[in-house]
Amino acid sequence: MKKTALLIAIWIGLLCMAVSQEKHSSFLEVDPVNQAILLGVGKSFLNDTYLSPLKYSGISISLMHDRIKGTSYFNNNLLLQQQFLIQTAITKNPTASSSEYYGNLDYRLTGFYPLFVGSNLRFYGGGGWEASLGGLYNMRNSNNPGSLKLSTNFSLSAMAIYNWKIFTFRWQLTTPFAGMLFSPEYGHSYYEIFTLGNNKGTLHFASFHNLQALRNYFSIDVPVHNITFRAAYLGDYYDTHVSELVTRIVSHQFMIGFAVESLNFGGKKVDNLSFPSVYY
C-alpha cells in the first residue's frame, strides 16, 4: 500500500507541475489552442486470465477531451497535447452466459516537435507521460470478481497533420516504453492485498518485455460555417504478461464531436480568426 500511495503521489505531483507550467507560459505570450470533445461508440474485446480464461466481447462507449496547445518552447515549435479519456464496456463470453464490465480513466500529456514541415503536411515526433486507473468486473465470479488496472508510463508518439482544402487530417500513434503497473501474483486475492496487507510483489516495472500497447488515433476536422465537426477513429491495444497472468484489452471506436480553435491570453480564451491555427 505504501508503494501504491507513493505512486499516486508522484502522478499528482507531475500533473500539478504540468498544469502550473502551462498556466505560467500562457501569461508570457499568446498561444493558439485547438481542443475537442468527442463521444465514441464501438466494440471491445476483453481477456483477463485472473478472472476467466474466456474472451469477452461487446459494446464500448467513451468520452474524450483532446487539447493541443502551442508553446513558446524550442523557438515556438513545441506543441503540448493533453488527452483525457473515459471508457466503458459491457461484454459477454462466447456463449452469452456471463457478462464482464470494463471501466477506465486515462490521462496523457505529450510534447511534439516538428520533424518535417511542408506546405500542407507536417510530421511530428515526441514523447510524454500517461496514467490510467480502471478495472474489470466479472459477474460469474463470486470469490474474486474484480481485477484492478493501474499503471503509469513514459511514452513515445508520432503525429502527422495534413491540410487539404477545408479539411484537416490528423494521424497519431502512441506506445509506452517504460513505467510501472499493478498486478497481483497468480492466485493472489485482493482480500489479501488490501485487507491483510499482503501486497508484496504487486508493483512491477513495465516495458516491452511484459507490456505491449498502442493507441491509433485518426481524425478529420470539417468546418461548417462557424462550427468545426470532428470525426475520428480510436483504436486501443493493451496487452500485459505479468506473474503468469495475461491481460488483453482491445477496442475499436468511431468518434464524433466538436472542435474549437481559440487563443490563450493570460489564461483567457478568445476567438479570433486572424491568428494562425495551432496546426500551421
C-alpha atoms as a PDB file:
ATOM      1  CA  MET A   1       0.000   0.000   0.000  1.00  0.00           C
ATOM      2  CA  LYS A   2       2.878   2.412   0.732  1.00  0.00           C
ATOM      3  CA  LYS A   3       4.266   1.887  -2.769  1.00  0.00           C
ATOM      4  CA  THR A   4       0.838   2.465  -4.292  1.00  0.00           C
ATOM      5  CA  ALA A   5       0.347   5.669  -2.278  1.00  0.00           C
ATOM      6  CA  LEU A   6       3.787   6.877  -3.346  1.00  0.00           C
ATOM      7  CA  LEU A   7       2.999   6.137  -6.998  1.00  0.00           C
ATOM      8  CA  ILE A   8      -0.280   8.078  -6.816  1.00  0.00           C
ATOM      9  CA  ALA A   9       1.506  10.987  -5.109  1.00  0.00           C
ATOM     10  CA  ILE A  10       4.039  11.086  -7.957  1.00  0.00           C
ATOM     11  CA  TRP A  11       1.195  11.207 -10.514  1.00  0.00           C
ATOM     12  CA  ILE A  12      -0.493  14.100  -8.713  1.00  0.00           C
ATOM     13  CA  GLY A  13       2.787  15.978  -8.403  1.00  0.00           C
ATOM     14  CA  LEU A  14       3.623  15.617 -12.093  1.00  0.00           C
ATOM     15  CA  LEU A  15       0.120  16.698 -13.080  1.00  0.00           C
ATOM     16  CA  CYS A  16       0.270  19.797 -10.845  1.00  0.00           C
ATOM     17  CA  MET A  17       3.682  20.719 -12.280  1.00  0.00           C
ATOM     18  CA  ALA A  18       2.385  20.372 -15.843  1.00  0.00           C
ATOM     19  CA  VAL A  19      -0.700  22.490 -15.138  1.00  0.00           C
ATOM     20  CA  SER A  20       1.250  25.213 -13.310  1.00  0.00           C
ATOM     21  CA  GLN A  21       3.863  25.298 -16.069  1.00  0.00           C
ATOM     22  CA  GLU A  22       1.170  25.661 -18.714  1.00  0.00           C
ATOM     23  CA  LYS A  23      -0.526  28.474 -16.778  1.00  0.00           C
ATOM     24  CA  HIS A  24       2.792  30.281 -16.367  1.00  0.00           C
ATOM     25  CA  SER A  25       3.596  30.109 -20.085  1.00  0.00           C
ATOM     26  CA  SER A  26       0.125  31.382 -21.038  1.00  0.00           C
ATOM     27  CA  PHE A  27       0.888  34.724 -19.309  1.00  0.00           C
ATOM     28  CA  LEU A  28       4.029  35.242 -21.356  1.00  0.00           C
ATOM     29  CA  GLU A  29       2.524  35.361 -24.841  1.00  0.00           C
ATOM     30  CA  VAL A  30      -0.447  34.470 -26.982  1.00  0.00           C
ATOM     31  CA  ASP A  31      -0.643  30.766 -27.871  1.00  0.00           C
ATOM     32  CA  PRO A  32      -3.170  29.038 -30.166  1.00  0.00           C
ATOM     33  CA  VAL A  33      -5.247  26.219 -28.690  1.00  0.00           C
ATOM     34  CA  ASN A  34      -7.186  23.507 -30.516  1.00  0.00           C
ATOM     35  CA  GLN A  35      -9.471  21.319 -28.415  1.00  0.00           C
ATOM     36  CA  ALA A  36     -12.341  18.941 -28.982  1.00  0.00           C
ATOM     37  CA  ILE A  37     -14.913  16.919 -27.081  1.00  0.00           C
ATOM     38  CA  LEU A  38     -15.676  13.544 -28.706  1.00  0.00           C
ATOM     39  CA  LEU A  39     -18.185  10.791 -27.991  1.00  0.00           C
ATOM     40  CA  GLY A  40     -17.213   7.320 -29.171  1.00  0.00           C
ATOM     41  CA  VAL A  41     -19.070   4.054 -29.747  1.00  0.00           C
ATOM     42  CA  GLY A  42     -17.561   0.788 -30.859  1.00  0.00           C
ATOM     43  CA  LYS A  43     -16.566  -2.704 -29.811  1.00  0.00           C
ATOM     44  CA  SER A  44     -14.253  -4.047 -27.120  1.00  0.00           C
ATOM     45  CA  PHE A  45     -12.555  -7.405 -26.601  1.00  0.00           C
ATOM     46  CA  LEU A  46     -11.520  -8.371 -23.064  1.00  0.00           C
ATOM     47  CA  ASN A  47      -9.346 -11.231 -21.871  1.00  0.00           C
ATOM     48  CA  ASP A  48      -8.094 -11.323 -18.264  1.00  0.00           C
ATOM     49  CA  THR A  49      -6.913 -14.727 -17.094  1.00  0.00           C
ATOM     50  CA  TYR A  50      -7.119 -13.614 -13.451  1.00  0.00           C
ATOM     51  CA  LEU A  51     -10.905 -13.574 -13.874  1.00  0.00           C
ATOM     52  CA  SER A  52     -11.569 -16.070 -16.650  1.00  0.00           C
ATOM     53  CA  PRO A  53      -9.766 -17.984 -19.432  1.00  0.00           C
ATOM     54  CA  LEU A  54     -12.564 -16.982 -21.825  1.00  0.00           C
ATOM     55  CA  LYS A  55     -12.554 -13.972 -24.121  1.00  0.00           C
ATOM     56  CA  TYR A  56     -15.389 -11.463 -23.733  1.00  0.00           C
ATOM     57  CA  SER A  57     -16.645  -9.042 -26.371  1.00  0.00           C
ATOM     58  CA  GLY A  58     -19.282  -6.343 -26.527  1.00  0.00           C
ATOM     59  CA  ILE A  59     -20.139  -2.670 -26.915  1.00  0.00           C
ATOM     60  CA  SER A  60     -17.800   0.093 -25.831  1.00  0.00           C
ATOM     61  CA  ILE A  61     -18.650   3.749 -25.118  1.00  0.00           C
ATOM     62  CA  SER A  62     -16.145   6.509 -24.416  1.00  0.00           C
ATOM     63  CA  LEU A  63     -15.808  10.256 -23.904  1.00  0.00           C
ATOM     64  CA  MET A  64     -12.592  12.067 -24.889  1.00  0.00           C
ATOM     65  CA  HIS A  65     -11.235  15.576 -24.382  1.00  0.00           C
ATOM     66  CA  ASP A  66      -8.379  16.262 -26.810  1.00  0.00           C
ATOM     67  CA  ARG A  67      -6.381  19.500 -26.464  1.00  0.00           C
ATOM     68  CA  ILE A  68      -3.323  20.712 -28.393  1.00  0.00           C
ATOM     69  CA  LYS A  69      -1.639  23.971 -27.416  1.00  0.00           C
ATOM     70  CA  GLY A  70       1.181  25.945 -28.971  1.00  0.00           C
ATOM     71  CA  THR A  71       4.016  26.851 -26.604  1.00  0.00           C
ATOM     72  CA  SER A  72       6.991  29.210 -26.545  1.00  0.00           C
ATOM     73  CA  TYR A  73       9.448  26.328 -26.023  1.00  0.00           C
ATOM     74  CA  PHE A  74      12.041  25.308 -28.650  1.00  0.00           C
ATOM     75  CA  ASN A  75      11.643  28.565 -30.557  1.00  0.00           C
ATOM     76  CA  ASN A  76       7.822  28.353 -30.559  1.00  0.00           C
ATOM     77  CA  ASN A  77       7.909  24.941 -32.257  1.00  0.00           C
ATOM     78  CA  LEU A  78       6.816  22.631 -29.436  1.00  0.00           C
ATOM     79  CA  LEU A  79       3.173  21.536 -29.254  1.00  0.00           C
ATOM     80  CA  LEU A  80       1.726  20.286 -25.983  1.00  0.00           C
ATOM     81  CA  GLN A  81      -1.140  17.786 -26.104  1.00  0.00           C
ATOM     82  CA  GLN A  82      -3.427  16.657 -23.303  1.00  0.00           C
ATOM     83  CA  GLN A  83      -5.873  13.780 -23.728  1.00  0.00           C
ATOM     84  CA  PHE A  84      -8.376  12.657 -21.140  1.00  0.00           C
ATOM     85  CA  LEU A  85     -10.398   9.531 -21.936  1.00  0.00           C
ATOM     86  CA  ILE A  86     -13.244   7.881 -20.043  1.00  0.00           C
ATOM     87  CA  GLN A  87     -14.023   4.442 -21.453  1.00  0.00           C
ATOM     88  CA  THR A  88     -16.594   1.798 -20.512  1.00  0.00           C
ATOM     89  CA  ALA A  89     -17.541  -1.561 -21.999  1.00  0.00           C
ATOM     90  CA  ILE A  90     -20.251  -4.168 -21.467  1.00  0.00           C
ATOM     91  CA  THR A  91     -19.212  -7.572 -22.786  1.00  0.00           C
ATOM     92  CA  LYS A  92     -20.310 -11.213 -22.795  1.00  0.00           C
ATOM     93  CA  ASN A  93     -18.492 -14.534 -23.139  1.00  0.00           C
ATOM     94  CA  PRO A  94     -18.824 -16.639 -26.340  1.00  0.00           C
ATOM     95  CA  THR A  95     -21.920 -18.476 -25.018  1.00  0.00           C
ATOM     96  CA  ALA A  96     -23.527 -15.257 -23.670  1.00  0.00           C
ATOM     97  CA  SER A  97     -23.898 -16.971 -20.284  1.00  0.00           C
ATOM     98  CA  SER A  98     -21.945 -14.355 -18.320  1.00  0.00           C
ATOM     99  CA  SER A  99     -21.133 -10.637 -18.504  1.00  0.00           C
ATOM    100  CA  GLU A 100     -17.937  -8.729 -17.855  1.00  0.00           C
ATOM    101  CA  TYR A 101     -17.773  -4.961 -17.350  1.00  0.00           C
ATOM    102  CA  TYR A 102     -14.839  -2.644 -18.015  1.00  0.00           C
ATOM    103  CA  GLY A 103     -14.180   0.954 -16.996  1.00  0.00           C
ATOM    104  CA  ASN A 104     -11.060   3.099 -17.298  1.00  0.00           C
ATOM    105  CA  LEU A 105      -9.835   6.679 -16.781  1.00  0.00           C
ATOM    106  CA  ASP A 106      -6.824   7.609 -18.919  1.00  0.00           C
ATOM    107  CA  TYR A 107      -4.779  10.838 -18.934  1.00  0.00           C
ATOM    108  CA  ARG A 108      -1.911  11.633 -21.325  1.00  0.00           C
ATOM    109  CA  LEU A 109       0.466  14.598 -21.554  1.00  0.00           C
ATOM    110  CA  THR A 110       2.627  14.639 -24.711  1.00  0.00           C
ATOM    111  CA  GLY A 111       5.040  17.084 -26.309  1.00  0.00           C
ATOM    112  CA  PHE A 112       5.518  17.178 -30.109  1.00  0.00           C
ATOM    113  CA  TYR A 113       8.379  18.676 -32.081  1.00  0.00           C
ATOM    114  CA  PRO A 114       8.185  19.135 -35.897  1.00  0.00           C
ATOM    115  CA  LEU A 115      10.493  16.833 -37.858  1.00  0.00           C
ATOM    116  CA  PHE A 116       9.190  17.737 -41.311  1.00  0.00           C
ATOM    117  CA  VAL A 117       7.329  20.893 -42.344  1.00  0.00           C
ATOM    118  CA  GLY A 118       5.795  21.190 -45.803  1.00  0.00           C
ATOM    119  CA  SER A 119       3.195  23.489 -47.310  1.00  0.00           C
ATOM    120  CA  ASN A 120       0.300  21.238 -46.277  1.00  0.00           C
ATOM    121  CA  LEU A 121       1.943  18.346 -44.430  1.00  0.00           C
ATOM    122  CA  ARG A 122       3.673  18.303 -41.055  1.00  0.00           C
ATOM    123  CA  PHE A 123       5.239  15.361 -39.266  1.00  0.00           C
ATOM    124  CA  TYR A 124       5.988  15.440 -35.524  1.00  0.00           C
ATOM    125  CA  GLY A 125       7.871  13.229 -33.125  1.00  0.00           C
ATOM    126  CA  GLY A 126       7.666  13.366 -29.370  1.00  0.00           C
ATOM    127  CA  GLY A 127       7.004  11.702 -26.086  1.00  0.00           C
ATOM    128  CA  GLY A 128       5.272  12.166 -22.787  1.00  0.00           C
ATOM    129  CA  TRP A 129       3.670  10.631 -19.757  1.00  0.00           C
ATOM    130  CA  GLU A 130       0.448   8.715 -19.257  1.00  0.00           C
ATOM    131  CA  ALA A 131      -1.510   7.324 -16.307  1.00  0.00           C
ATOM    132  CA  SER A 132      -4.599   5.117 -16.172  1.00  0.00           C
ATOM    133  CA  LEU A 133      -6.905   3.761 -13.496  1.00  0.00           C
ATOM    134  CA  GLY A 134      -9.613   1.210 -14.211  1.00  0.00           C
ATOM    135  CA  GLY A 135     -10.726  -2.341 -13.796  1.00  0.00           C
ATOM    136  CA  LEU A 136     -12.816  -5.309 -14.900  1.00  0.00           C
ATOM    137  CA  TYR A 137     -15.726  -6.949 -13.101  1.00  0.00           C
ATOM    138  CA  ASN A 138     -16.906 -10.468 -13.913  1.00  0.00           C
ATOM    139  CA  MET A 139     -20.497 -11.335 -12.957  1.00  0.00           C
ATOM    140  CA  ARG A 140     -19.796 -15.088 -12.770  1.00  0.00           C
ATOM    141  CA  ASN A 141     -17.016 -14.948 -10.177  1.00  0.00           C
ATOM    142  CA  SER A 142     -18.026 -14.854  -6.514  1.00  0.00           C
ATOM    143  CA  ASN A 143     -14.615 -15.082  -4.793  1.00  0.00           C
ATOM    144  CA  ASN A 144     -12.508 -12.736  -6.912  1.00  0.00           C
ATOM    145  CA  PRO A 145     -14.958 -10.913  -9.216  1.00  0.00           C
ATOM    146  CA  GLY A 146     -12.806  -7.864  -9.995  1.00  0.00           C
ATOM    147  CA  SER A 147      -9.398  -7.039 -11.443  1.00  0.00           C
ATOM    148  CA  LEU A 148      -7.757  -3.650 -10.821  1.00  0.00           C
ATOM    149  CA  LYS A 149      -5.866  -1.970 -13.679  1.00  0.00           C
ATOM    150  CA  LEU A 150      -3.421   0.692 -12.521  1.00  0.00           C
ATOM    151  CA  SER A 151      -0.401   1.932 -14.478  1.00  0.00           C
ATOM    152  CA  THR A 152       1.812   4.898 -15.292  1.00  0.00           C
ATOM    153  CA  ASN A 153       4.271   5.046 -18.186  1.00  0.00           C
ATOM    154  CA  PHE A 154       6.539   7.218 -20.260  1.00  0.00           C
ATOM    155  CA  SER A 155       5.556   7.002 -23.914  1.00  0.00           C
ATOM    156  CA  LEU A 156       6.763   7.667 -27.449  1.00  0.00           C
ATOM    157  CA  SER A 157       4.492   9.265 -30.018  1.00  0.00           C
ATOM    158  CA  ALA A 158       4.372  10.322 -33.667  1.00  0.00           C
ATOM    159  CA  MET A 159       1.844  12.610 -35.336  1.00  0.00           C
ATOM    160  CA  ALA A 160       1.135  13.708 -38.902  1.00  0.00           C
ATOM    161  CA  ILE A 161      -1.120  16.638 -39.872  1.00  0.00           C
ATOM    162  CA  TYR A 162      -2.318  17.245 -43.424  1.00  0.00           C
ATOM    163  CA  ASN A 163      -4.397  20.212 -44.594  1.00  0.00           C
ATOM    164  CA  TRP A 164      -6.398  19.718 -47.781  1.00  0.00           C
ATOM    165  CA  LYS A 165      -8.827  22.426 -48.853  1.00  0.00           C
ATOM    166  CA  ILE A 166     -11.130  22.942 -45.852  1.00  0.00           C
ATOM    167  CA  PHE A 167     -10.274  19.592 -44.226  1.00  0.00           C
ATOM    168  CA  THR A 168      -7.623  18.874 -41.590  1.00  0.00           C
ATOM    169  CA  PHE A 169      -6.461  15.264 -41.249  1.00  0.00           C
ATOM    170  CA  ARG A 170      -4.518  14.114 -38.201  1.00  0.00           C
ATOM    171  CA  TRP A 171      -2.981  10.708 -37.504  1.00  0.00           C
ATOM    172  CA  GLN A 172      -1.294   9.847 -34.237  1.00  0.00           C
ATOM    173  CA  LEU A 173       0.417   6.728 -32.863  1.00  0.00           C
ATOM    174  CA  THR A 174       1.472   6.358 -29.214  1.00  0.00           C
ATOM    175  CA  THR A 175       3.135   3.499 -27.343  1.00  0.00           C
ATOM    176  CA  PRO A 176       4.517   3.241 -23.781  1.00  0.00           C
ATOM    177  CA  PHE A 177       8.150   2.156 -23.329  1.00  0.00           C
ATOM    178  CA  ALA A 178       8.851   2.314 -19.569  1.00  0.00           C
ATOM    179  CA  GLY A 179       6.804   2.634 -16.407  1.00  0.00           C
ATOM    180  CA  MET A 180       5.077   0.759 -13.614  1.00  0.00           C
ATOM    181  CA  LEU A 181       1.897  -1.303 -13.379  1.00  0.00           C
ATOM    182  CA  PHE A 182      -0.125  -3.009 -10.663  1.00  0.00           C
ATOM    183  CA  SER A 183      -0.801  -6.729 -10.897  1.00  0.00           C
ATOM    184  CA  PRO A 184      -1.418  -9.410  -8.245  1.00  0.00           C
ATOM    185  CA  GLU A 185       0.525 -12.633  -8.248  1.00  0.00           C
ATOM    186  CA  TYR A 186      -1.087 -15.774  -9.663  1.00  0.00           C
ATOM    187  CA  GLY A 187      -3.712 -16.895  -7.105  1.00  0.00           C
ATOM    188  CA  HIS A 188      -3.202 -13.698  -5.077  1.00  0.00           C
ATOM    189  CA  SER A 189      -6.584 -12.419  -3.841  1.00  0.00           C
ATOM    190  CA  TYR A 190      -7.471  -8.747  -3.397  1.00  0.00           C
ATOM    191  CA  TYR A 191      -8.626  -9.563   0.126  1.00  0.00           C
ATOM    192  CA  GLU A 192      -5.032 -10.477   0.976  1.00  0.00           C
ATOM    193  CA  ILE A 193      -3.669  -7.360  -0.739  1.00  0.00           C
ATOM    194  CA  PHE A 194      -5.970  -4.633   0.622  1.00  0.00           C
ATOM    195  CA  THR A 195      -7.330  -6.139   3.866  1.00  0.00           C
ATOM    196  CA  LEU A 196      -4.481  -8.275   5.191  1.00  0.00           C
ATOM    197  CA  GLY A 197      -1.777  -6.014   3.782  1.00  0.00           C
ATOM    198  CA  ASN A 198      -0.021  -8.782   1.861  1.00  0.00           C
ATOM    199  CA  ASN A 199       0.814  -6.546  -1.104  1.00  0.00           C
ATOM    200  CA  LYS A 200       4.368  -7.690  -1.787  1.00  0.00           C
ATOM    201  CA  GLY A 201       5.115  -8.142  -5.481  1.00  0.00           C
ATOM    202  CA  THR A 202       2.092  -6.227  -6.779  1.00  0.00           C
ATOM    203  CA  LEU A 203       4.022  -3.335  -8.394  1.00  0.00           C
ATOM    204  CA  HIS A 204       6.054  -4.265 -11.470  1.00  0.00           C
ATOM    205  CA  PHE A 205       8.412  -2.462 -13.802  1.00  0.00           C
ATOM    206  CA  ALA A 206       6.717  -2.259 -17.209  1.00  0.00           C
ATOM    207  CA  SER A 207       8.422  -2.207 -20.585  1.00  0.00           C
ATOM    208  CA  PHE A 208       8.328  -4.058 -23.895  1.00  0.00           C
ATOM    209  CA  HIS A 209       9.151  -7.392 -22.237  1.00  0.00           C
ATOM    210  CA  ASN A 210       5.795  -7.527 -20.374  1.00  0.00           C
ATOM    211  CA  LEU A 211       3.716  -4.666 -21.810  1.00  0.00           C
ATOM    212  CA  GLN A 212       2.744  -4.068 -25.432  1.00  0.00           C
ATOM    213  CA  ALA A 213       0.311  -1.233 -26.030  1.00  0.00           C
ATOM    214  CA  LEU A 214      -0.591   1.037 -28.920  1.00  0.00           C
ATOM    215  CA  ARG A 215      -3.073   3.869 -29.424  1.00  0.00           C
ATOM    216  CA  ASN A 216      -4.029   4.609 -33.028  1.00  0.00           C
ATOM    217  CA  TYR A 217      -5.920   7.896 -33.398  1.00  0.00           C
ATOM    218  CA  PHE A 218      -7.087   9.315 -36.743  1.00  0.00           C
ATOM    219  CA  SER A 219      -9.300  12.388 -37.052  1.00  0.00           C
ATOM    220  CA  ILE A 220     -10.835  14.657 -39.689  1.00  0.00           C
ATOM    221  CA  ASP A 221     -11.879  18.247 -38.950  1.00  0.00           C
ATOM    222  CA  VAL A 222     -14.610  19.707 -41.155  1.00  0.00           C
ATOM    223  CA  PRO A 223     -15.589  23.383 -40.673  1.00  0.00           C
ATOM    224  CA  VAL A 224     -19.253  24.213 -41.347  1.00  0.00           C
ATOM    225  CA  HIS A 225     -19.933  27.958 -41.025  1.00  0.00           C
ATOM    226  CA  ASN A 226     -18.737  28.829 -37.504  1.00  0.00           C
ATOM    227  CA  ILE A 227     -18.687  25.222 -36.234  1.00  0.00           C
ATOM    228  CA  THR A 228     -15.997  22.611 -36.785  1.00  0.00           C
ATOM    229  CA  PHE A 229     -17.069  18.979 -36.670  1.00  0.00           C
ATOM    230  CA  ARG A 230     -14.566  16.265 -35.894  1.00  0.00           C
ATOM    231  CA  ALA A 231     -14.934  12.611 -36.867  1.00  0.00           C
ATOM    232  CA  ALA A 232     -12.328  10.162 -35.603  1.00  0.00           C
ATOM    233  CA  TYR A 233     -11.272   6.566 -35.229  1.00  0.00           C
ATOM    234  CA  LEU A 234      -9.743   5.455 -31.923  1.00  0.00           C
ATOM    235  CA  GLY A 235      -8.062   2.080 -31.666  1.00  0.00           C
ATOM    236  CA  ASP A 236      -6.549   0.951 -28.363  1.00  0.00           C
ATOM    237  CA  TYR A 237      -4.475  -2.198 -27.865  1.00  0.00           C
ATOM    238  CA  TYR A 238      -3.236  -3.152 -24.375  1.00  0.00           C
ATOM    239  CA  ASP A 239      -1.500  -6.450 -23.561  1.00  0.00           C
ATOM    240  CA  THR A 240       0.391  -7.463 -20.414  1.00  0.00           C
ATOM    241  CA  HIS A 241       2.081 -10.695 -19.276  1.00  0.00           C
ATOM    242  CA  VAL A 242       2.883 -10.401 -15.567  1.00  0.00           C
ATOM    243  CA  SER A 243       3.119 -13.078 -12.831  1.00  0.00           C
ATOM    244  CA  GLU A 244       1.704 -15.795 -15.111  1.00  0.00           C
ATOM    245  CA  LEU A 245      -1.356 -13.626 -15.730  1.00  0.00           C
ATOM    246  CA  VAL A 246      -2.390 -12.310 -19.141  1.00  0.00           C
ATOM    247  CA  THR A 247      -4.499  -9.218 -19.731  1.00  0.00           C
ATOM    248  CA  ARG A 248      -5.548  -8.155 -23.213  1.00  0.00           C
ATOM    249  CA  ILE A 249      -7.905  -5.227 -23.797  1.00  0.00           C
ATOM    250  CA  VAL A 250      -8.658  -4.200 -27.380  1.00  0.00           C
ATOM    251  CA  SER A 251     -11.173  -1.598 -28.560  1.00  0.00           C
ATOM    252  CA  HIS A 252     -12.186  -0.054 -31.886  1.00  0.00           C
ATOM    253  CA  GLN A 253     -14.367   3.037 -31.761  1.00  0.00           C
ATOM    254  CA  PHE A 254     -15.854   5.610 -34.095  1.00  0.00           C
ATOM    255  CA  MET A 255     -15.930   9.061 -32.503  1.00  0.00           C
ATOM    256  CA  ILE A 256     -17.702  12.309 -33.347  1.00  0.00           C
ATOM    257  CA  GLY A 257     -17.778  15.722 -31.731  1.00  0.00           C
ATOM    258  CA  PHE A 258     -16.896  19.398 -31.994  1.00  0.00           C
ATOM    259  CA  ALA A 259     -13.509  21.106 -32.284  1.00  0.00           C
ATOM    260  CA  VAL A 260     -12.761  24.679 -31.201  1.00  0.00           C
ATOM    261  CA  GLU A 261      -9.801  26.865 -32.176  1.00  0.00           C
ATOM    262  CA  SER A 262      -9.011  29.625 -29.659  1.00  0.00           C
ATOM    263  CA  LEU A 263      -6.243  31.782 -28.251  1.00  0.00           C
ATOM    264  CA  ASN A 264      -4.641  31.899 -24.818  1.00  0.00           C
ATOM    265  CA  PHE A 265      -4.474  35.475 -23.499  1.00  0.00           C
ATOM    266  CA  GLY A 266      -3.165  35.310 -19.942  1.00  0.00           C
ATOM    267  CA  GLY A 267      -5.315  32.279 -19.242  1.00  0.00           C
ATOM    268  CA  LYS A 268      -8.376  33.598 -21.139  1.00  0.00           C
ATOM    269  CA  LYS A 269      -9.552  32.226 -24.470  1.00  0.00           C
ATOM    270  CA  VAL A 270     -10.949  34.437 -27.241  1.00  0.00           C
ATOM    271  CA  ASP A 271     -11.945  33.549 -30.787  1.00  0.00           C
ATOM    272  CA  ASN A 272     -10.008  35.417 -33.470  1.00  0.00           C
ATOM    273  CA  LEU A 273      -9.766  34.085 -36.996  1.00  0.00           C
ATOM    274  CA  SER A 274      -6.916  36.457 -37.934  1.00  0.00           C
ATOM    275  CA  PHE A 275      -4.421  34.425 -35.910  1.00  0.00           C
ATOM    276  CA  PRO A 276      -2.853  31.250 -37.308  1.00  0.00           C
ATOM    277  CA  SER A 277      -4.040  27.810 -36.262  1.00  0.00           C
ATOM    278  CA  VAL A 278      -2.062  25.610 -33.900  1.00  0.00           C
ATOM    279  CA  TYR A 279      -1.716  23.202 -36.841  1.00  0.00           C
ATOM    280  CA  TYR A 280       0.303  25.581 -39.074  1.00  0.00           C
END
